[in-house]
């Protein structure tokens, strides 16, 4: 499994759980409507490279070498809102952002503790505490709360390779 596959699965499931967009941070795009969550990838592959499973697999078009190892990745999630009117009332951005952050935090502590995919499992290794990440923007304040999550998964790398099916010795084979 690659980090991109892990990230996509985590973001998709978190978005379904909290009911608002989960978008990459620092992207060149219009800001989403409130509320929303943005994520940052702090470390996509944390590995000590001490363990790796190596194998060669035959495919219809040749052989591939596969190396798999357990790795961790750290992602940061920030939930954003701002005071705004809605049909039937007024929403305090601070309350909404905090509520979403707590709901997202609970998702990783309970629902997403182990996400099963076709390519392997994604296991939550550590979930940080929800903390205030608000920032002042010209006239108003965007209310932000967030936390970091460390995930574990099996990273798999593949590349084409060749095999020797029959060795021929010249001279004494010993």
N, C-alpha and C. Protein backbone atom coordinates (compact mmCIF):
# COMPACT_ATOMS: atom_id res chain seq x y z
N UNK A 1 0.86 -1.16 0.00
CA UNK A 1 0.00 0.00 0.00
C UNK A 1 0.91 1.23 0.00
N UNK A 2 0.51 2.24 -0.74
CA UNK A 2 1.26 3.49 -0.76
C UNK A 2 0.62 4.50 0.18
N UNK A 3 1.37 5.54 0.52
CA UNK A 3 0.79 6.56 1.39
C UNK A 3 -0.41 7.23 0.74
N UNK A 4 -0.37 7.45 -0.56
CA UNK A 4 -1.50 8.07 -1.26
C UNK A 4 -2.78 7.26 -1.07
N UNK A 5 -2.66 5.94 -1.14
CA UNK A 5 -3.83 5.08 -0.91
C UNK A 5 -4.32 5.21 0.53
N UNK A 6 -3.39 5.28 1.47
CA UNK A 6 -3.75 5.44 2.88
C UNK A 6 -4.46 6.78 3.08
N UNK A 7 -3.84 7.85 2.58
CA UNK A 7 -4.41 9.19 2.73
C UNK A 7 -5.82 9.26 2.15
N UNK A 8 -6.00 8.75 0.95
CA UNK A 8 -7.31 8.82 0.29
C UNK A 8 -8.38 8.07 1.08
N UNK A 9 -8.04 6.91 1.62
CA UNK A 9 -8.99 6.13 2.40
C UNK A 9 -9.36 6.85 3.71
N UNK A 10 -8.37 7.40 4.38
CA UNK A 10 -8.60 8.11 5.63
C UNK A 10 -9.47 9.34 5.40
N UNK A 11 -9.12 10.13 4.38
CA UNK A 11 -9.87 11.37 4.09
C UNK A 11 -11.31 11.04 3.71
N UNK A 12 -11.51 10.06 2.86
CA UNK A 12 -12.86 9.67 2.43
C UNK A 12 -13.73 9.26 3.63
N UNK A 13 -13.19 8.43 4.50
CA UNK A 13 -13.95 7.96 5.65
C UNK A 13 -14.19 9.07 6.68
N UNK A 14 -13.21 9.93 6.89
CA UNK A 14 -13.40 11.05 7.82
C UNK A 14 -14.46 12.01 7.29
N UNK A 15 -14.42 12.30 6.00
CA UNK A 15 -15.40 13.20 5.39
C UNK A 15 -16.82 12.65 5.56
N UNK A 16 -16.99 11.35 5.36
CA UNK A 16 -18.32 10.73 5.55
C UNK A 16 -18.76 10.86 7.01
N UNK A 17 -17.82 10.68 7.93
CA UNK A 17 -18.16 10.70 9.35
C UNK A 17 -18.56 12.09 9.85
N UNK A 18 -17.80 13.12 9.46
CA UNK A 18 -18.08 14.45 10.01
C UNK A 18 -19.09 15.23 9.18
N UNK A 19 -19.32 14.82 7.93
CA UNK A 19 -20.35 15.46 7.12
C UNK A 19 -19.99 16.80 6.52
N UNK A 20 -18.70 17.07 6.38
CA UNK A 20 -18.27 18.30 5.70
C UNK A 20 -16.98 18.01 4.94
N UNK A 21 -16.59 18.90 4.01
CA UNK A 21 -15.40 18.64 3.19
C UNK A 21 -14.11 18.51 4.01
N UNK A 22 -13.24 17.60 3.57
CA UNK A 22 -11.89 17.44 4.12
C UNK A 22 -10.95 17.66 2.94
N UNK A 23 -10.21 18.77 2.99
CA UNK A 23 -9.41 19.21 1.84
C UNK A 23 -7.94 19.33 2.23
N UNK A 24 -7.04 19.25 1.23
CA UNK A 24 -5.62 19.43 1.54
C UNK A 24 -5.32 20.87 1.96
N UNK A 25 -4.40 21.05 2.88
CA UNK A 25 -3.98 22.40 3.26
C UNK A 25 -3.04 22.93 2.19
N UNK A 26 -2.84 24.22 2.20
CA UNK A 26 -1.87 24.89 1.33
C UNK A 26 -2.04 24.53 -0.14
N UNK A 27 -3.29 24.41 -0.58
CA UNK A 27 -3.55 24.18 -1.99
C UNK A 27 -3.99 25.48 -2.64
N UNK A 28 -3.79 25.57 -3.93
CA UNK A 28 -4.24 26.75 -4.66
C UNK A 28 -5.65 26.47 -5.14
N UNK A 29 -6.61 26.95 -4.35
CA UNK A 29 -8.02 26.74 -4.66
C UNK A 29 -8.83 27.71 -3.81
N UNK A 30 -10.09 27.85 -4.16
CA UNK A 30 -10.97 28.70 -3.36
C UNK A 30 -11.19 28.03 -2.01
N UNK A 31 -11.31 28.87 -0.98
CA UNK A 31 -11.59 28.36 0.35
C UNK A 31 -12.96 27.72 0.37
N UNK A 32 -13.06 26.58 1.00
CA UNK A 32 -14.35 25.89 1.12
C UNK A 32 -15.30 26.71 1.99
N UNK A 33 -16.59 26.46 1.82
CA UNK A 33 -17.59 27.08 2.68
C UNK A 33 -17.45 26.47 4.08
N UNK A 34 -17.74 27.28 5.10
CA UNK A 34 -17.68 26.78 6.47
C UNK A 34 -18.86 25.87 6.74
N UNK A 35 -18.71 24.86 7.55
CA UNK A 35 -17.48 24.36 8.15
C UNK A 35 -16.75 23.44 7.18
N UNK A 36 -15.45 23.26 7.42
CA UNK A 36 -14.65 22.32 6.65
C UNK A 36 -13.46 21.88 7.49
N UNK A 37 -12.76 20.89 7.00
CA UNK A 37 -11.55 20.39 7.65
C UNK A 37 -10.44 20.41 6.61
N UNK A 38 -9.25 20.79 7.02
CA UNK A 38 -8.11 20.62 6.12
C UNK A 38 -7.07 19.75 6.80
N UNK A 39 -6.30 19.06 5.97
CA UNK A 39 -5.27 18.17 6.52
C UNK A 39 -3.92 18.52 5.93
N UNK A 40 -2.90 18.20 6.71
CA UNK A 40 -1.50 18.33 6.27
C UNK A 40 -0.84 16.98 6.49
N UNK A 41 0.06 16.65 5.61
CA UNK A 41 0.85 15.44 5.77
C UNK A 41 2.16 15.86 6.42
N UNK A 42 2.37 15.44 7.64
CA UNK A 42 3.59 15.81 8.36
C UNK A 42 4.74 14.85 8.05
N UNK A 43 4.43 13.57 7.91
CA UNK A 43 5.44 12.56 7.58
C UNK A 43 4.76 11.38 6.91
N UNK A 44 4.95 11.20 5.60
CA UNK A 44 4.25 10.13 4.90
C UNK A 44 4.86 8.74 5.09
N UNK A 45 6.13 8.68 5.53
CA UNK A 45 6.77 7.36 5.66
C UNK A 45 7.82 7.42 6.77
N UNK A 46 7.46 6.89 7.92
CA UNK A 46 8.39 6.81 9.05
C UNK A 46 8.78 5.35 9.17
N UNK A 47 10.05 5.06 8.94
CA UNK A 47 10.49 3.67 8.92
C UNK A 47 11.89 3.56 9.47
N UNK A 48 12.17 2.44 10.11
CA UNK A 48 13.54 2.19 10.55
C UNK A 48 14.25 1.25 9.57
N UNK A 49 13.56 0.77 8.57
CA UNK A 49 14.09 -0.11 7.52
C UNK A 49 14.73 -1.37 8.07
N UNK A 50 14.41 -1.72 9.32
CA UNK A 50 15.01 -2.90 9.93
C UNK A 50 14.35 -4.19 9.43
N UNK A 51 13.14 -4.09 9.00
CA UNK A 51 12.41 -5.27 8.57
C UNK A 51 11.84 -5.02 7.19
N UNK A 52 11.96 -5.97 6.33
CA UNK A 52 11.34 -5.85 5.02
C UNK A 52 11.15 -7.23 4.43
N UNK A 53 9.98 -7.51 3.94
CA UNK A 53 9.69 -8.79 3.32
C UNK A 53 9.96 -8.66 1.83
N UNK A 54 10.85 -9.48 1.31
CA UNK A 54 11.20 -9.45 -0.11
C UNK A 54 10.63 -10.70 -0.78
N UNK A 55 10.03 -10.50 -1.95
CA UNK A 55 9.53 -11.64 -2.72
C UNK A 55 9.53 -11.30 -4.20
N UNK A 56 9.56 -12.33 -5.02
CA UNK A 56 9.46 -12.18 -6.46
C UNK A 56 8.19 -12.89 -6.89
N UNK A 57 7.36 -12.20 -7.66
CA UNK A 57 6.06 -12.74 -8.07
C UNK A 57 6.00 -12.74 -9.59
N UNK A 58 5.48 -13.83 -10.14
CA UNK A 58 5.33 -13.91 -11.59
C UNK A 58 3.98 -13.34 -11.99
N UNK A 59 4.01 -12.41 -12.92
CA UNK A 59 2.80 -11.80 -13.49
C UNK A 59 2.72 -12.23 -14.96
N UNK A 60 1.60 -12.03 -15.63
CA UNK A 60 1.49 -12.43 -17.03
C UNK A 60 2.55 -11.79 -17.95
N UNK A 61 2.98 -10.57 -17.60
CA UNK A 61 3.94 -9.88 -18.47
C UNK A 61 5.37 -9.91 -17.91
N UNK A 62 5.65 -10.78 -16.94
CA UNK A 62 7.01 -10.90 -16.40
C UNK A 62 7.01 -11.01 -14.88
N UNK A 63 8.19 -10.86 -14.32
CA UNK A 63 8.35 -10.96 -12.87
C UNK A 63 8.46 -9.58 -12.25
N UNK A 64 7.97 -9.46 -11.01
CA UNK A 64 8.16 -8.21 -10.28
C UNK A 64 8.75 -8.53 -8.90
N UNK A 65 9.64 -7.66 -8.46
CA UNK A 65 10.19 -7.75 -7.11
C UNK A 65 9.32 -6.88 -6.21
N UNK A 66 8.97 -7.42 -5.05
CA UNK A 66 8.12 -6.71 -4.11
C UNK A 66 8.83 -6.64 -2.76
N UNK A 67 8.83 -5.47 -2.17
CA UNK A 67 9.36 -5.30 -0.82
C UNK A 67 8.28 -4.64 0.02
N UNK A 68 7.94 -5.26 1.14
CA UNK A 68 6.92 -4.73 2.05
C UNK A 68 7.54 -4.52 3.42
N UNK A 69 7.13 -3.44 4.10
CA UNK A 69 7.61 -3.18 5.45
C UNK A 69 6.55 -2.40 6.22
N UNK A 70 6.49 -2.61 7.55
CA UNK A 70 5.58 -1.81 8.35
C UNK A 70 6.13 -0.39 8.50
N UNK A 71 5.29 0.60 8.27
CA UNK A 71 5.70 2.00 8.41
C UNK A 71 4.59 2.77 9.15
N UNK A 72 4.93 3.99 9.52
CA UNK A 72 3.96 4.90 10.13
C UNK A 72 3.91 6.17 9.31
N UNK A 73 2.81 6.89 9.43
CA UNK A 73 2.65 8.19 8.78
C UNK A 73 1.94 9.11 9.78
N UNK A 74 2.27 10.39 9.73
CA UNK A 74 1.62 11.35 10.61
C UNK A 74 0.86 12.38 9.77
N UNK A 75 -0.41 12.56 10.10
CA UNK A 75 -1.26 13.55 9.44
C UNK A 75 -1.83 14.48 10.49
N UNK A 76 -2.04 15.73 10.11
CA UNK A 76 -2.62 16.74 10.98
C UNK A 76 -3.96 17.17 10.40
N UNK A 77 -4.97 17.24 11.24
CA UNK A 77 -6.32 17.63 10.82
C UNK A 77 -6.75 18.88 11.58
N UNK A 78 -7.26 19.87 10.85
CA UNK A 78 -7.73 21.11 11.45
C UNK A 78 -9.15 21.37 10.97
N UNK A 79 -10.06 21.58 11.92
CA UNK A 79 -11.47 21.78 11.64
C UNK A 79 -11.78 23.27 11.78
N UNK A 80 -12.42 23.85 10.76
CA UNK A 80 -12.58 25.30 10.69
C UNK A 80 -14.04 25.72 10.60
N UNK A 81 -14.34 26.83 11.24
CA UNK A 81 -15.65 27.45 11.12
C UNK A 81 -15.51 28.93 11.44
N UNK A 82 -16.60 29.63 11.24
CA UNK A 82 -16.65 31.07 11.51
C UNK A 82 -18.10 31.37 11.90
N UNK A 83 -18.30 32.40 12.71
CA UNK A 83 -19.67 32.78 13.06
C UNK A 83 -20.44 33.02 11.76
N UNK A 84 -21.62 32.40 11.63
CA UNK A 84 -22.42 32.60 10.43
C UNK A 84 -23.90 32.29 10.68
N UNK A 85 -24.73 32.90 9.85
CA UNK A 85 -26.17 32.67 9.91
C UNK A 85 -26.53 31.43 9.10
N UNK A 86 -27.49 30.69 9.61
CA UNK A 86 -28.04 29.54 8.88
C UNK A 86 -29.55 29.64 8.96
N UNK A 87 -30.22 28.87 8.14
CA UNK A 87 -31.68 28.86 8.21
C UNK A 87 -32.11 28.48 9.61
N UNK A 88 -32.84 29.36 10.23
CA UNK A 88 -33.36 29.09 11.56
C UNK A 88 -32.44 29.47 12.71
N UNK A 89 -31.37 30.24 12.43
CA UNK A 89 -30.56 30.64 13.57
C UNK A 89 -29.16 31.12 13.22
N UNK A 90 -28.33 31.13 14.24
CA UNK A 90 -26.96 31.62 14.15
C UNK A 90 -26.03 30.54 14.69
N UNK A 91 -24.90 30.36 14.02
CA UNK A 91 -23.92 29.36 14.44
C UNK A 91 -22.67 30.07 14.93
N UNK A 92 -22.24 29.74 16.14
CA UNK A 92 -20.98 30.26 16.66
C UNK A 92 -19.85 29.38 16.10
N UNK A 93 -18.97 30.01 15.37
CA UNK A 93 -17.89 29.27 14.72
C UNK A 93 -17.02 28.49 15.69
N UNK A 94 -16.78 29.07 16.87
CA UNK A 94 -15.94 28.38 17.85
C UNK A 94 -16.59 27.07 18.28
N UNK A 95 -17.89 27.11 18.55
CA UNK A 95 -18.60 25.90 18.96
C UNK A 95 -18.62 24.85 17.85
N UNK A 96 -18.86 25.30 16.63
CA UNK A 96 -18.95 24.38 15.51
C UNK A 96 -17.60 23.72 15.22
N UNK A 97 -16.52 24.51 15.21
CA UNK A 97 -15.19 23.96 14.94
C UNK A 97 -14.77 22.97 16.02
N UNK A 98 -15.03 23.32 17.28
CA UNK A 98 -14.69 22.43 18.39
C UNK A 98 -15.49 21.14 18.32
N UNK A 99 -16.77 21.25 18.04
CA UNK A 99 -17.63 20.07 17.94
C UNK A 99 -17.16 19.13 16.83
N UNK A 100 -16.81 19.70 15.67
CA UNK A 100 -16.31 18.88 14.56
C UNK A 100 -14.97 18.23 14.90
N UNK A 101 -14.09 18.97 15.56
CA UNK A 101 -12.79 18.42 15.93
C UNK A 101 -12.96 17.26 16.91
N UNK A 102 -13.86 17.41 17.86
CA UNK A 102 -14.11 16.32 18.81
C UNK A 102 -14.73 15.11 18.11
N UNK A 103 -15.61 15.38 17.16
CA UNK A 103 -16.22 14.28 16.40
C UNK A 103 -15.15 13.58 15.55
N UNK A 104 -14.27 14.35 14.91
CA UNK A 104 -13.18 13.77 14.12
C UNK A 104 -12.21 12.99 14.99
N UNK A 105 -11.90 13.52 16.17
CA UNK A 105 -11.01 12.84 17.10
C UNK A 105 -11.62 11.51 17.52
N UNK A 106 -12.91 11.52 17.80
CA UNK A 106 -13.61 10.29 18.16
C UNK A 106 -13.62 9.28 17.04
N UNK A 107 -13.69 9.76 15.81
CA UNK A 107 -13.63 8.88 14.64
C UNK A 107 -12.34 8.06 14.66
N UNK A 108 -11.21 8.71 14.91
CA UNK A 108 -9.93 8.00 14.91
C UNK A 108 -9.77 7.12 16.15
N UNK A 109 -10.37 7.50 17.26
CA UNK A 109 -10.27 6.70 18.47
C UNK A 109 -11.17 5.47 18.43
N UNK A 110 -12.25 5.54 17.68
CA UNK A 110 -13.22 4.45 17.71
C UNK A 110 -13.46 3.85 16.33
N UNK A 111 -14.14 4.58 15.45
CA UNK A 111 -14.54 4.04 14.14
C UNK A 111 -13.36 3.67 13.25
N UNK A 112 -12.34 4.49 13.23
CA UNK A 112 -11.23 4.28 12.29
C UNK A 112 -10.03 3.62 12.94
N UNK A 113 -10.23 3.01 14.10
CA UNK A 113 -9.08 2.39 14.76
C UNK A 113 -8.38 1.42 13.82
N UNK A 114 -9.15 0.75 12.98
CA UNK A 114 -8.57 -0.11 11.94
C UNK A 114 -9.47 -0.02 10.71
N UNK A 115 -8.95 0.64 9.68
CA UNK A 115 -9.68 0.74 8.41
C UNK A 115 -9.21 -0.40 7.51
N UNK A 116 -10.11 -1.24 7.10
CA UNK A 116 -9.76 -2.37 6.23
C UNK A 116 -9.96 -1.95 4.78
N UNK A 117 -8.93 -2.22 3.96
CA UNK A 117 -9.01 -1.91 2.53
C UNK A 117 -8.60 -3.14 1.74
N UNK A 118 -8.81 -3.10 0.43
CA UNK A 118 -8.39 -4.20 -0.44
C UNK A 118 -6.88 -4.36 -0.46
N UNK A 119 -6.14 -3.29 -0.19
CA UNK A 119 -4.67 -3.31 -0.25
C UNK A 119 -4.02 -3.55 1.11
N UNK A 120 -4.82 -3.59 2.19
CA UNK A 120 -4.27 -3.81 3.52
C UNK A 120 -4.99 -2.98 4.55
N UNK A 121 -4.60 -3.16 5.79
CA UNK A 121 -5.24 -2.44 6.90
C UNK A 121 -4.47 -1.16 7.23
N UNK A 122 -5.21 -0.15 7.67
CA UNK A 122 -4.65 1.10 8.17
C UNK A 122 -5.03 1.13 9.65
N UNK A 123 -4.03 1.17 10.51
CA UNK A 123 -4.27 1.10 11.95
C UNK A 123 -3.86 2.42 12.59
N UNK A 124 -4.74 2.95 13.42
CA UNK A 124 -4.43 4.17 14.15
C UNK A 124 -3.44 3.81 15.26
N UNK A 125 -2.29 4.44 15.23
CA UNK A 125 -1.24 4.16 16.21
C UNK A 125 -1.33 5.12 17.39
N UNK A 126 -1.61 6.39 17.09
CA UNK A 126 -1.68 7.40 18.15
C UNK A 126 -2.57 8.55 17.69
N UNK A 127 -3.41 9.06 18.58
CA UNK A 127 -4.27 10.20 18.30
C UNK A 127 -3.96 11.30 19.31
N UNK A 128 -3.60 12.46 18.81
CA UNK A 128 -3.28 13.59 19.69
C UNK A 128 -4.53 14.23 20.26
N UNK A 129 -4.32 15.08 21.24
CA UNK A 129 -5.43 15.81 21.87
C UNK A 129 -5.90 16.94 20.98
N UNK A 130 -7.19 17.26 21.05
CA UNK A 130 -7.75 18.39 20.33
C UNK A 130 -7.21 19.67 20.98
N UNK A 131 -6.71 20.58 20.14
CA UNK A 131 -6.20 21.85 20.67
C UNK A 131 -6.65 23.00 19.78
N UNK A 132 -6.63 24.19 20.33
CA UNK A 132 -7.05 25.39 19.61
C UNK A 132 -5.98 25.77 18.60
N UNK A 133 -6.41 26.05 17.37
CA UNK A 133 -5.50 26.48 16.31
C UNK A 133 -6.05 27.71 15.59
N UNK A 134 -6.84 28.51 16.28
CA UNK A 134 -7.49 29.67 15.66
C UNK A 134 -6.48 30.70 15.21
N UNK A 135 -6.88 31.45 14.19
CA UNK A 135 -6.02 32.51 13.66
C UNK A 135 -6.84 33.72 13.25
N UNK A 136 -6.27 34.90 13.43
CA UNK A 136 -6.95 36.15 13.11
C UNK A 136 -6.81 36.43 11.61
N UNK A 137 -7.93 36.72 10.95
CA UNK A 137 -7.92 37.04 9.53
C UNK A 137 -8.59 38.40 9.33
N UNK A 138 -7.82 39.44 9.10
CA UNK A 138 -8.24 40.81 8.86
C UNK A 138 -9.28 41.31 9.86
N UNK A 139 -10.56 41.04 9.63
CA UNK A 139 -11.61 41.58 10.48
C UNK A 139 -12.19 40.54 11.43
N UNK A 140 -12.16 39.30 11.03
CA UNK A 140 -12.82 38.26 11.80
C UNK A 140 -11.81 37.16 12.12
N UNK A 141 -12.21 36.26 12.95
CA UNK A 141 -11.36 35.14 13.32
C UNK A 141 -11.95 33.85 12.80
N UNK A 142 -11.14 33.10 12.08
CA UNK A 142 -11.55 31.75 11.70
C UNK A 142 -11.24 30.86 12.89
N UNK A 143 -12.25 30.20 13.38
CA UNK A 143 -12.09 29.34 14.54
C UNK A 143 -11.58 27.98 14.08
N UNK A 144 -10.49 27.54 14.70
CA UNK A 144 -9.87 26.28 14.30
C UNK A 144 -9.52 25.45 15.52
N UNK A 145 -9.81 24.16 15.42
CA UNK A 145 -9.37 23.19 16.42
C UNK A 145 -8.83 22.00 15.64
N UNK A 146 -7.80 21.38 16.16
CA UNK A 146 -7.23 20.26 15.43
C UNK A 146 -6.41 19.33 16.30
N UNK A 147 -5.90 18.31 15.64
CA UNK A 147 -5.09 17.28 16.30
C UNK A 147 -4.28 16.54 15.24
N UNK A 148 -3.29 15.80 15.70
CA UNK A 148 -2.46 14.99 14.81
C UNK A 148 -2.76 13.52 15.05
N UNK A 149 -2.58 12.73 14.00
CA UNK A 149 -2.83 11.29 14.06
C UNK A 149 -1.63 10.57 13.45
N UNK A 150 -1.18 9.52 14.13
CA UNK A 150 -0.13 8.67 13.55
C UNK A 150 -0.78 7.34 13.17
N UNK A 151 -0.59 6.97 11.92
CA UNK A 151 -1.19 5.76 11.36
C UNK A 151 -0.10 4.75 11.04
N UNK A 152 -0.43 3.47 11.13
CA UNK A 152 0.49 2.40 10.73
C UNK A 152 -0.11 1.66 9.55
N UNK A 153 0.74 1.25 8.63
CA UNK A 153 0.30 0.47 7.48
C UNK A 153 1.50 -0.29 6.91
N UNK A 154 1.23 -1.19 6.01
CA UNK A 154 2.30 -1.93 5.35
C UNK A 154 2.58 -1.25 4.01
N UNK A 155 3.77 -0.69 3.91
CA UNK A 155 4.21 0.00 2.68
C UNK A 155 4.74 -1.07 1.73
N UNK A 156 4.29 -1.02 0.48
CA UNK A 156 4.74 -1.98 -0.52
C UNK A 156 5.33 -1.24 -1.71
N UNK A 157 6.53 -1.65 -2.07
CA UNK A 157 7.20 -1.11 -3.27
C UNK A 157 7.37 -2.25 -4.26
N UNK A 158 7.17 -1.96 -5.54
CA UNK A 158 7.29 -2.97 -6.58
C UNK A 158 8.12 -2.45 -7.73
N UNK A 159 8.83 -3.37 -8.42
CA UNK A 159 9.55 -3.01 -9.63
C UNK A 159 9.74 -4.26 -10.49
N UNK A 160 9.79 -4.09 -11.80
CA UNK A 160 10.03 -5.23 -12.68
C UNK A 160 11.41 -5.83 -12.39
N UNK A 161 11.52 -7.14 -12.55
CA UNK A 161 12.81 -7.80 -12.33
C UNK A 161 12.91 -9.00 -13.26
N UNK A 162 14.06 -9.60 -13.28
CA UNK A 162 14.29 -10.81 -14.08
C UNK A 162 14.71 -11.92 -13.14
N UNK A 163 14.50 -13.15 -13.57
CA UNK A 163 14.91 -14.30 -12.77
C UNK A 163 15.80 -15.20 -13.61
N UNK A 164 16.58 -16.03 -12.95
CA UNK A 164 17.38 -17.04 -13.63
C UNK A 164 16.66 -18.35 -13.40
N UNK A 165 16.15 -18.92 -14.49
CA UNK A 165 15.39 -20.15 -14.34
C UNK A 165 16.28 -21.39 -14.30
N UNK A 166 17.42 -21.36 -15.00
CA UNK A 166 18.32 -22.50 -15.00
C UNK A 166 19.74 -21.98 -15.09
N UNK A 167 20.55 -22.31 -14.11
CA UNK A 167 21.94 -21.87 -14.11
C UNK A 167 22.82 -22.89 -14.82
N UNK A 168 23.73 -22.40 -15.61
CA UNK A 168 24.70 -23.27 -16.30
C UNK A 168 26.07 -23.01 -15.71
N UNK A 169 26.73 -24.07 -15.24
CA UNK A 169 28.05 -23.91 -14.65
C UNK A 169 29.12 -24.29 -15.66
N UNK A 170 30.19 -23.55 -15.64
CA UNK A 170 31.35 -23.86 -16.45
C UNK A 170 32.42 -24.37 -15.50
N UNK A 171 32.87 -25.55 -15.76
CA UNK A 171 33.89 -26.11 -14.88
C UNK A 171 33.27 -26.80 -13.68
N UNK A 172 33.99 -26.76 -12.56
CA UNK A 172 33.55 -27.42 -11.33
C UNK A 172 32.53 -26.57 -10.62
N UNK A 173 31.27 -27.05 -10.42
CA UNK A 173 30.23 -26.23 -9.79
C UNK A 173 30.38 -26.09 -8.27
N UNK A 174 31.38 -26.72 -7.66
CA UNK A 174 31.49 -26.65 -6.20
C UNK A 174 32.25 -25.48 -5.72
